[in-house]
Amino acid sequence: MKRFIPLIMLLMAAPLAQPAQADLIHRLTTSTQLTVDGAATAATRVGSTYSVSGTNMEVGAGNSDVFGGLTAGSATAAATMKAGTYDITTDGSAFSFSESFTQGDAVNTIGSGVDVTSGVVADMPAFGVTTTQSGGVAGSLAGTITSAGVSTLTAGGAGTSATGQFVSEVTVR
């Protein structure tokens, strides 16, 4: 028996081997996203502008000579340019002259300029600065997910998007 005591003590000191344990999580996710953008337009009417500058310049000496400028428009027409008449102040001396004119946009009558038909911008305002986004027709846009997780997408009309996604995630803890 004395011979077995060291063996018994050795077995008592060694920990018993335990099976490895881990949590295994497997997650499957399927999704679809369907988007229809609406028709939109943003326009900024540009007004008429006139500028003149220079050195060693003056308005002409005639009775009808004037600085250039703008003539008044009407309820639907933009202002136009009135040409000036200029002379050099001191003949033979250096001079500079600059004249600039921007023709403004006409005023559209109320109810004209933008038509939206079935979600599409058919015609836009013709202003100096115009940003237009056309779309908004769902058409045959569709998305389905079966009970088996299969995603099916069908393209739509203008301004639409369809996104399908399948995610498989495995986590071991």
Protein backbone atom coordinates (compact mmCIF):
# COMPACT_ATOMS: atom_id res chain seq x y z
CA MET A 1 0.00 0.00 0.00
CA LYS A 2 2.88 2.33 0.73
CA ARG A 3 3.90 1.87 -2.88
CA PHE A 4 0.57 3.22 -4.13
CA ILE A 5 0.53 6.36 -1.98
CA PRO A 6 2.82 8.37 -4.34
CA LEU A 7 0.72 7.27 -7.30
CA ILE A 8 -2.52 8.25 -5.54
CA MET A 9 -1.02 11.62 -4.55
CA LEU A 10 0.06 12.23 -8.18
CA LEU A 11 -3.44 11.53 -9.48
CA MET A 12 -4.98 13.81 -6.88
CA ALA A 13 -2.64 16.69 -7.79
CA ALA A 14 -3.33 16.57 -11.59
CA PRO A 15 -6.53 18.33 -12.62
CA LEU A 16 -9.05 16.26 -14.47
CA ALA A 17 -9.21 17.13 -18.18
CA GLN A 18 -12.45 18.86 -19.07
CA PRO A 19 -13.96 19.08 -22.56
CA ALA A 20 -13.59 22.44 -24.34
CA GLN A 21 -16.71 24.56 -24.25
CA ALA A 22 -17.67 27.37 -26.67
CA ASP A 23 -20.83 29.17 -27.64
CA LEU A 24 -21.38 29.09 -31.38
CA ILE A 25 -23.84 31.60 -32.80
CA HIS A 26 -24.84 31.56 -36.48
CA ARG A 27 -27.05 34.38 -37.69
CA LEU A 28 -28.56 34.72 -41.20
CA THR A 29 -30.17 38.00 -42.28
CA THR A 30 -31.80 38.92 -45.60
CA SER A 31 -33.14 42.39 -46.39
CA THR A 32 -34.36 44.53 -49.28
CA GLN A 33 -34.64 48.29 -49.61
CA LEU A 34 -36.75 49.98 -52.30
CA THR A 35 -36.46 53.73 -52.96
CA VAL A 36 -38.42 56.06 -55.24
CA ASP A 37 -37.01 59.57 -55.49
CA GLY A 38 -39.53 62.34 -56.03
CA ALA A 39 -39.34 64.77 -58.92
CA ALA A 40 -37.76 68.07 -57.92
CA THR A 41 -36.52 71.29 -59.46
CA ALA A 42 -34.89 74.41 -58.04
CA ALA A 43 -34.41 77.51 -60.14
CA THR A 44 -32.96 80.95 -59.54
CA ARG A 45 -33.98 83.76 -61.83
CA VAL A 46 -30.98 85.80 -62.93
CA GLY A 47 -31.54 89.55 -63.13
CA SER A 48 -30.01 91.92 -65.68
CA THR A 49 -26.77 93.62 -64.64
CA TYR A 50 -24.64 96.36 -66.18
CA SER A 51 -21.32 97.77 -65.05
CA VAL A 52 -18.78 100.18 -66.49
CA SER A 53 -15.41 101.32 -65.20
CA GLY A 54 -12.33 103.01 -66.53
CA THR A 55 -9.67 105.64 -66.14
CA ASN A 56 -9.17 108.73 -68.29
CA MET A 57 -12.73 108.25 -69.63
CA GLU A 58 -15.77 110.53 -69.62
CA VAL A 59 -19.28 110.73 -71.00
CA GLY A 60 -19.27 112.10 -74.52
CA ALA A 61 -19.74 115.84 -75.08
CA GLY A 62 -22.92 115.57 -77.21
CA ASN A 63 -26.36 116.48 -75.86
CA SER A 64 -27.59 112.91 -76.11
CA ASP A 65 -24.40 111.32 -74.70
CA VAL A 66 -25.01 109.38 -71.46
CA PHE A 67 -23.55 106.72 -69.23
CA GLY A 68 -24.63 103.22 -70.20
CA GLY A 69 -27.16 101.44 -68.02
CA LEU A 70 -30.30 99.38 -67.94
CA THR A 71 -33.66 100.19 -69.45
CA ALA A 72 -36.70 99.07 -67.51
CA GLY A 73 -38.23 95.77 -68.54
CA SER A 74 -41.90 94.90 -68.44
CA ALA A 75 -44.02 92.60 -66.32
CA THR A 76 -42.65 89.62 -68.28
CA ALA A 77 -39.44 90.92 -69.91
CA ALA A 78 -36.07 91.50 -68.25
CA ALA A 79 -34.32 94.86 -68.33
CA THR A 80 -32.14 95.48 -71.39
CA MET A 81 -28.89 97.42 -71.91
CA LYS A 82 -28.80 101.11 -72.77
CA ALA A 83 -25.47 101.80 -74.51
CA GLY A 84 -23.40 104.73 -73.29
CA THR A 85 -21.31 107.19 -75.28
CA TYR A 86 -17.78 107.72 -73.95
CA ASP A 87 -14.74 109.79 -74.83
CA ILE A 88 -11.13 109.86 -73.64
CA THR A 89 -10.63 112.70 -71.17
CA THR A 90 -7.04 113.60 -72.10
CA ASP A 91 -6.09 112.75 -75.67
CA GLY A 92 -2.76 110.98 -75.98
CA SER A 93 -2.78 109.74 -72.37
CA ALA A 94 -3.21 106.14 -71.25
CA PHE A 95 -6.76 104.99 -70.56
CA SER A 96 -8.66 101.88 -69.56
CA PHE A 97 -12.27 100.98 -70.17
CA SER A 98 -14.45 98.01 -69.19
CA GLU A 99 -18.14 97.50 -69.82
CA SER A 100 -20.15 94.41 -68.83
CA PHE A 101 -23.78 93.39 -69.37
CA THR A 102 -25.72 90.26 -68.36
CA GLN A 103 -29.17 89.80 -69.90
CA GLY A 104 -31.58 88.66 -67.20
CA ASP A 105 -34.22 85.97 -67.40
CA ALA A 106 -37.71 86.75 -68.60
CA VAL A 107 -40.47 86.37 -66.04
CA ASN A 108 -42.55 83.27 -66.71
CA THR A 109 -46.26 83.57 -66.37
CA ILE A 110 -47.74 81.92 -63.28
CA GLY A 111 -48.37 78.23 -63.86
CA SER A 112 -45.73 77.83 -66.57
CA GLY A 113 -42.15 76.64 -66.49
CA VAL A 114 -42.43 73.26 -64.74
CA ASP A 115 -44.69 70.35 -65.54
CA VAL A 116 -44.58 67.11 -63.57
CA THR A 117 -46.37 64.15 -65.16
CA SER A 118 -46.50 60.76 -63.43
CA GLY A 119 -43.61 61.76 -61.19
CA VAL A 120 -41.33 62.91 -64.03
CA VAL A 121 -40.37 66.55 -64.61
CA ALA A 122 -41.50 66.95 -68.22
CA ASP A 123 -40.11 70.47 -68.77
CA MET A 124 -38.07 72.80 -66.61
CA PRO A 125 -37.90 76.52 -66.10
CA ALA A 126 -35.37 78.20 -68.38
CA PHE A 127 -33.68 80.39 -65.79
CA GLY A 128 -30.01 81.29 -65.49
CA VAL A 129 -29.43 78.76 -62.69
CA THR A 130 -31.54 75.59 -62.75
CA THR A 131 -31.09 72.27 -60.94
CA THR A 132 -33.52 69.50 -61.78
CA GLN A 133 -33.88 65.95 -60.50
CA SER A 134 -36.23 63.83 -62.53
CA GLY A 135 -37.66 60.55 -61.37
CA GLY A 136 -40.29 59.24 -59.11
CA VAL A 137 -41.85 56.57 -61.31
CA ALA A 138 -42.06 53.29 -59.37
CA GLY A 139 -43.04 51.34 -62.49
CA SER A 140 -42.42 47.65 -61.79
CA LEU A 141 -40.12 48.28 -58.79
CA ALA A 142 -40.47 45.35 -56.40
CA GLY A 143 -38.58 43.30 -53.85
CA THR A 144 -39.43 40.03 -52.13
CA ILE A 145 -37.82 37.73 -49.59
CA THR A 146 -38.92 34.09 -49.48
CA SER A 147 -39.13 32.02 -46.30
CA ALA A 148 -35.89 30.35 -47.46
CA GLY A 149 -34.17 33.75 -47.34
CA VAL A 150 -33.95 34.22 -51.12
CA SER A 151 -34.16 37.88 -52.14
CA THR A 152 -35.65 38.85 -55.55
CA LEU A 153 -35.50 42.42 -56.89
CA THR A 154 -37.28 43.91 -59.92
CA ALA A 155 -36.01 47.11 -61.53
CA GLY A 156 -38.35 50.09 -61.52
CA GLY A 157 -38.72 53.27 -63.54
CA ALA A 158 -36.71 56.50 -63.54
CA GLY A 159 -35.37 57.67 -60.17
CA THR A 160 -35.68 54.31 -58.41
CA SER A 161 -33.23 51.99 -56.70
CA ALA A 162 -33.48 48.50 -55.24
CA THR A 163 -30.93 46.95 -52.89
CA GLY A 164 -30.87 43.36 -51.69
CA GLN A 165 -28.55 42.05 -49.00
CA PHE A 166 -27.77 38.65 -47.47
CA VAL A 167 -25.54 38.48 -44.38
CA SER A 168 -24.16 35.31 -42.81
CA GLU A 169 -22.51 35.92 -39.41
CA VAL A 170 -20.69 33.31 -37.31
CA THR A 171 -19.59 34.15 -33.76
CA VAL A 172 -17.53 31.85 -31.56
CA ARG A 173 -17.20 32.74 -27.85
